[in-house]
N, C-alpha and C. Protein backbone atom coordinates (compact mmCIF):
# COMPACT_ATOMS: atom_id res chain seq x y z
N ASP A 1 -19.75 -0.61 3.85
CA ASP A 1 -18.51 0.13 4.09
C ASP A 1 -18.23 1.09 2.94
N ILE A 2 -17.78 2.28 3.29
CA ILE A 2 -17.35 3.22 2.26
C ILE A 2 -15.89 2.96 1.92
N PHE A 3 -15.01 2.98 2.93
CA PHE A 3 -13.60 2.64 2.73
C PHE A 3 -12.99 2.27 4.06
N ARG A 4 -11.84 1.59 3.97
CA ARG A 4 -11.05 1.27 5.16
C ARG A 4 -9.63 0.95 4.73
N PHE A 5 -8.71 1.10 5.67
CA PHE A 5 -7.31 0.75 5.46
C PHE A 5 -6.60 0.77 6.79
N ALA A 6 -5.42 0.18 6.83
CA ALA A 6 -4.59 0.18 8.04
C ALA A 6 -3.16 0.53 7.66
N ILE A 7 -2.52 1.31 8.51
CA ILE A 7 -1.11 1.65 8.35
C ILE A 7 -0.43 1.27 9.66
N TYR A 8 0.69 0.58 9.54
CA TYR A 8 1.42 0.20 10.75
C TYR A 8 2.91 0.10 10.47
N ARG A 9 3.69 0.03 11.52
CA ARG A 9 5.13 -0.22 11.39
C ARG A 9 5.60 -0.97 12.62
N TYR A 10 6.74 -1.59 12.50
CA TYR A 10 7.33 -2.35 13.60
C TYR A 10 8.44 -1.52 14.26
N ASP A 11 8.61 -1.70 15.55
CA ASP A 11 9.62 -0.95 16.29
C ASP A 11 11.03 -1.17 15.74
N ASP A 12 11.30 -2.38 15.21
CA ASP A 12 12.65 -2.67 14.72
C ASP A 12 12.81 -2.35 13.22
N GLU A 13 11.77 -1.77 12.59
CA GLU A 13 11.84 -1.38 11.18
C GLU A 13 11.19 -0.01 10.99
N LYS A 14 11.67 0.95 11.69
CA LYS A 14 11.03 2.27 11.67
C LYS A 14 11.11 2.95 10.31
N GLU A 15 11.98 2.47 9.44
CA GLU A 15 12.10 3.08 8.11
C GLU A 15 11.06 2.55 7.13
N ILE A 16 10.25 1.56 7.56
CA ILE A 16 9.24 0.95 6.69
C ILE A 16 7.85 1.14 7.28
N ILE A 17 6.93 1.58 6.45
CA ILE A 17 5.51 1.67 6.79
C ILE A 17 4.79 0.60 5.99
N TYR A 18 3.87 -0.10 6.62
CA TYR A 18 3.09 -1.12 5.95
C TYR A 18 1.66 -0.62 5.76
N LEU A 19 1.14 -0.82 4.57
CA LEU A 19 -0.23 -0.46 4.24
C LEU A 19 -0.99 -1.76 4.01
N SER A 20 -2.13 -1.92 4.66
CA SER A 20 -2.89 -3.16 4.49
C SER A 20 -4.39 -2.90 4.56
N ASN A 21 -5.13 -3.89 4.15
CA ASN A 21 -6.60 -3.89 4.23
C ASN A 21 -7.25 -2.70 3.54
N VAL A 22 -6.66 -2.27 2.43
CA VAL A 22 -7.24 -1.17 1.66
C VAL A 22 -8.51 -1.67 0.98
N PHE A 23 -9.59 -0.95 1.20
CA PHE A 23 -10.88 -1.33 0.62
C PHE A 23 -11.71 -0.08 0.36
N VAL A 24 -12.28 -0.02 -0.84
CA VAL A 24 -13.26 1.01 -1.17
C VAL A 24 -14.48 0.29 -1.70
N GLY A 25 -15.63 0.55 -1.11
CA GLY A 25 -16.87 -0.09 -1.53
C GLY A 25 -17.17 0.19 -3.00
N LYS A 26 -17.74 -0.80 -3.68
CA LYS A 26 -18.00 -0.69 -5.12
C LYS A 26 -18.75 0.58 -5.49
N GLU A 27 -19.75 0.93 -4.71
CA GLU A 27 -20.55 2.10 -5.04
C GLU A 27 -19.82 3.42 -4.79
N HIS A 28 -18.62 3.35 -4.17
CA HIS A 28 -17.85 4.56 -3.87
C HIS A 28 -16.57 4.65 -4.68
N ARG A 29 -16.35 3.70 -5.57
CA ARG A 29 -15.14 3.70 -6.39
C ARG A 29 -15.24 4.76 -7.48
N LYS A 30 -14.10 5.07 -8.05
CA LYS A 30 -13.99 6.08 -9.12
C LYS A 30 -14.30 7.49 -8.62
N GLN A 31 -14.12 7.70 -7.31
CA GLN A 31 -14.36 9.02 -6.72
C GLN A 31 -13.08 9.59 -6.09
N GLY A 32 -11.97 8.88 -6.25
CA GLY A 32 -10.70 9.36 -5.71
C GLY A 32 -10.40 8.93 -4.29
N LEU A 33 -11.24 8.10 -3.69
CA LEU A 33 -10.98 7.68 -2.30
C LEU A 33 -9.71 6.85 -2.19
N GLY A 34 -9.51 5.93 -3.12
CA GLY A 34 -8.29 5.12 -3.10
C GLY A 34 -7.04 5.97 -3.25
N ASN A 35 -7.09 6.92 -4.17
CA ASN A 35 -5.96 7.83 -4.35
C ASN A 35 -5.72 8.63 -3.08
N SER A 36 -6.78 9.05 -2.41
CA SER A 36 -6.64 9.79 -1.16
C SER A 36 -5.98 8.93 -0.08
N ILE A 37 -6.33 7.65 -0.04
CA ILE A 37 -5.69 6.74 0.92
C ILE A 37 -4.20 6.65 0.65
N LEU A 38 -3.82 6.50 -0.62
CA LEU A 38 -2.39 6.40 -0.96
C LEU A 38 -1.67 7.71 -0.66
N ASN A 39 -2.29 8.84 -0.96
CA ASN A 39 -1.66 10.14 -0.66
C ASN A 39 -1.50 10.33 0.85
N ALA A 40 -2.50 9.94 1.62
CA ALA A 40 -2.40 10.05 3.08
C ALA A 40 -1.30 9.14 3.61
N THR A 41 -1.19 7.96 3.05
CA THR A 41 -0.13 7.03 3.47
C THR A 41 1.24 7.62 3.20
N ASP A 42 1.42 8.21 2.02
CA ASP A 42 2.70 8.86 1.70
C ASP A 42 3.02 9.96 2.73
N LYS A 43 2.05 10.79 3.04
CA LYS A 43 2.27 11.88 3.99
C LYS A 43 2.60 11.38 5.38
N ILE A 44 1.87 10.36 5.83
CA ILE A 44 2.13 9.79 7.15
C ILE A 44 3.52 9.19 7.20
N ALA A 45 3.88 8.45 6.16
CA ALA A 45 5.21 7.84 6.12
C ALA A 45 6.31 8.90 6.16
N LYS A 46 6.15 9.95 5.40
CA LYS A 46 7.14 11.03 5.41
C LYS A 46 7.21 11.71 6.78
N ASN A 47 6.06 11.94 7.40
CA ASN A 47 6.05 12.56 8.72
C ASN A 47 6.72 11.68 9.77
N LEU A 48 6.70 10.37 9.57
CA LEU A 48 7.34 9.42 10.49
C LEU A 48 8.78 9.12 10.08
N ASN A 49 9.28 9.84 9.08
CA ASN A 49 10.65 9.65 8.57
C ASN A 49 10.90 8.26 8.02
N ALA A 50 9.88 7.64 7.49
CA ALA A 50 10.04 6.33 6.85
C ALA A 50 10.63 6.54 5.46
N GLN A 51 11.26 5.51 4.94
CA GLN A 51 11.85 5.57 3.61
C GLN A 51 11.05 4.76 2.58
N THR A 52 10.26 3.80 3.08
CA THR A 52 9.60 2.83 2.20
C THR A 52 8.20 2.52 2.69
N ILE A 53 7.30 2.30 1.75
CA ILE A 53 5.97 1.78 2.05
C ILE A 53 5.89 0.39 1.42
N CYS A 54 5.43 -0.59 2.19
CA CYS A 54 5.28 -1.95 1.69
C CYS A 54 3.83 -2.40 1.83
N LEU A 55 3.42 -3.24 0.92
CA LEU A 55 2.08 -3.83 0.98
C LEU A 55 2.12 -5.14 0.21
N LYS A 56 1.09 -5.96 0.41
CA LYS A 56 0.98 -7.15 -0.42
C LYS A 56 -0.40 -7.19 -1.03
N VAL A 57 -0.44 -7.75 -2.24
CA VAL A 57 -1.64 -7.71 -3.06
C VAL A 57 -1.67 -8.94 -3.97
N LYS A 58 -2.85 -9.33 -4.39
CA LYS A 58 -2.99 -10.42 -5.34
C LYS A 58 -2.40 -9.95 -6.67
N GLN A 59 -1.44 -10.70 -7.18
CA GLN A 59 -0.68 -10.24 -8.34
C GLN A 59 -1.53 -10.10 -9.60
N ASP A 60 -2.44 -11.00 -9.84
CA ASP A 60 -3.23 -10.95 -11.08
C ASP A 60 -4.57 -10.24 -10.86
N SER A 61 -4.48 -9.02 -10.33
CA SER A 61 -5.69 -8.26 -10.04
C SER A 61 -5.56 -6.83 -10.55
N PHE A 62 -6.68 -6.18 -10.74
CA PHE A 62 -6.66 -4.78 -11.17
C PHE A 62 -5.99 -3.91 -10.10
N VAL A 63 -6.06 -4.34 -8.85
CA VAL A 63 -5.47 -3.56 -7.76
C VAL A 63 -3.94 -3.54 -7.89
N HIS A 64 -3.35 -4.65 -8.31
CA HIS A 64 -1.90 -4.71 -8.53
C HIS A 64 -1.50 -3.66 -9.56
N GLU A 65 -2.22 -3.60 -10.65
CA GLU A 65 -1.93 -2.61 -11.70
C GLU A 65 -2.13 -1.19 -11.18
N TRP A 66 -3.15 -1.00 -10.36
CA TRP A 66 -3.42 0.31 -9.78
C TRP A 66 -2.26 0.78 -8.91
N TYR A 67 -1.73 -0.12 -8.08
CA TYR A 67 -0.57 0.23 -7.25
C TYR A 67 0.64 0.56 -8.13
N GLU A 68 0.83 -0.20 -9.21
CA GLU A 68 1.94 0.09 -10.11
C GLU A 68 1.82 1.50 -10.69
N ARG A 69 0.62 1.89 -11.05
CA ARG A 69 0.40 3.23 -11.59
C ARG A 69 0.70 4.32 -10.55
N HIS A 70 0.69 3.95 -9.29
CA HIS A 70 0.97 4.90 -8.21
C HIS A 70 2.38 4.76 -7.64
N GLY A 71 3.27 4.16 -8.41
CA GLY A 71 4.69 4.14 -8.04
C GLY A 71 5.18 2.93 -7.28
N TYR A 72 4.33 1.95 -7.05
CA TYR A 72 4.75 0.74 -6.36
C TYR A 72 5.33 -0.26 -7.37
N SER A 73 6.32 -1.02 -6.92
CA SER A 73 6.92 -2.04 -7.79
C SER A 73 6.98 -3.37 -7.05
N ASP A 74 7.01 -4.44 -7.82
CA ASP A 74 7.04 -5.78 -7.25
C ASP A 74 8.35 -6.01 -6.50
N LEU A 75 8.24 -6.63 -5.35
CA LEU A 75 9.41 -6.94 -4.53
C LEU A 75 9.65 -8.44 -4.49
N SER A 76 8.64 -9.21 -4.03
CA SER A 76 8.80 -10.67 -3.93
C SER A 76 7.44 -11.33 -3.71
N VAL A 77 7.39 -12.61 -4.01
CA VAL A 77 6.18 -13.40 -3.73
C VAL A 77 6.14 -13.67 -2.23
N ASP A 78 4.97 -13.58 -1.65
CA ASP A 78 4.81 -13.86 -0.22
C ASP A 78 5.01 -15.35 0.02
N GLU A 79 5.88 -15.69 0.95
CA GLU A 79 6.21 -17.09 1.22
C GLU A 79 5.03 -17.87 1.79
N GLU A 80 4.22 -17.24 2.61
CA GLU A 80 3.10 -17.92 3.25
C GLU A 80 1.86 -17.97 2.37
N GLU A 81 1.72 -16.99 1.51
CA GLU A 81 0.56 -16.92 0.61
C GLU A 81 1.06 -16.62 -0.81
N PRO A 82 1.47 -17.67 -1.55
CA PRO A 82 2.12 -17.45 -2.85
C PRO A 82 1.26 -16.78 -3.91
N GLN A 83 -0.05 -16.67 -3.69
CA GLN A 83 -0.89 -15.95 -4.64
C GLN A 83 -0.76 -14.43 -4.46
N LEU A 84 -0.07 -14.02 -3.38
CA LEU A 84 0.12 -12.61 -3.09
C LEU A 84 1.56 -12.20 -3.38
N ILE A 85 1.72 -10.96 -3.73
CA ILE A 85 3.06 -10.42 -4.00
C ILE A 85 3.28 -9.19 -3.14
N TRP A 86 4.48 -9.07 -2.61
CA TRP A 86 4.86 -7.87 -1.87
C TRP A 86 5.23 -6.79 -2.88
N MET A 87 4.76 -5.58 -2.63
CA MET A 87 5.12 -4.43 -3.45
C MET A 87 5.73 -3.38 -2.54
N THR A 88 6.54 -2.51 -3.11
CA THR A 88 7.20 -1.49 -2.33
C THR A 88 7.25 -0.18 -3.10
N LYS A 89 7.31 0.91 -2.34
CA LYS A 89 7.44 2.23 -2.92
C LYS A 89 8.45 3.00 -2.08
N ASN A 90 9.49 3.50 -2.72
CA ASN A 90 10.50 4.29 -2.03
C ASN A 90 10.00 5.72 -1.94
N ILE A 91 9.92 6.26 -0.74
CA ILE A 91 9.48 7.64 -0.58
C ILE A 91 10.57 8.50 0.04
N GLY A 92 11.76 7.92 0.25
CA GLY A 92 12.87 8.65 0.85
C GLY A 92 13.35 9.76 -0.06
N GLU A 93 13.95 10.72 0.55
CA GLU A 93 14.47 11.88 -0.20
C GLU A 93 15.63 11.49 -1.05
């Protein structure tokens, strides 16, 4: 795999976009693909008039720090999977 990700939202939470399953293959990292995924997510969310992007990630990972560098902040520990933390980014005007 080179990269993959999923973006979705729920009918009763149209102001929130969820980003999940972000993956960039090891041999394709450090080429800006992850940044492109985040930029595309921001644009899609804005086009859908969403105010927030949410995702969950393993808290003690380099990926958590990477999301922080891109404007995401910790929201809460996931109740079903306590090793994961929900992060959020406000993109509203």
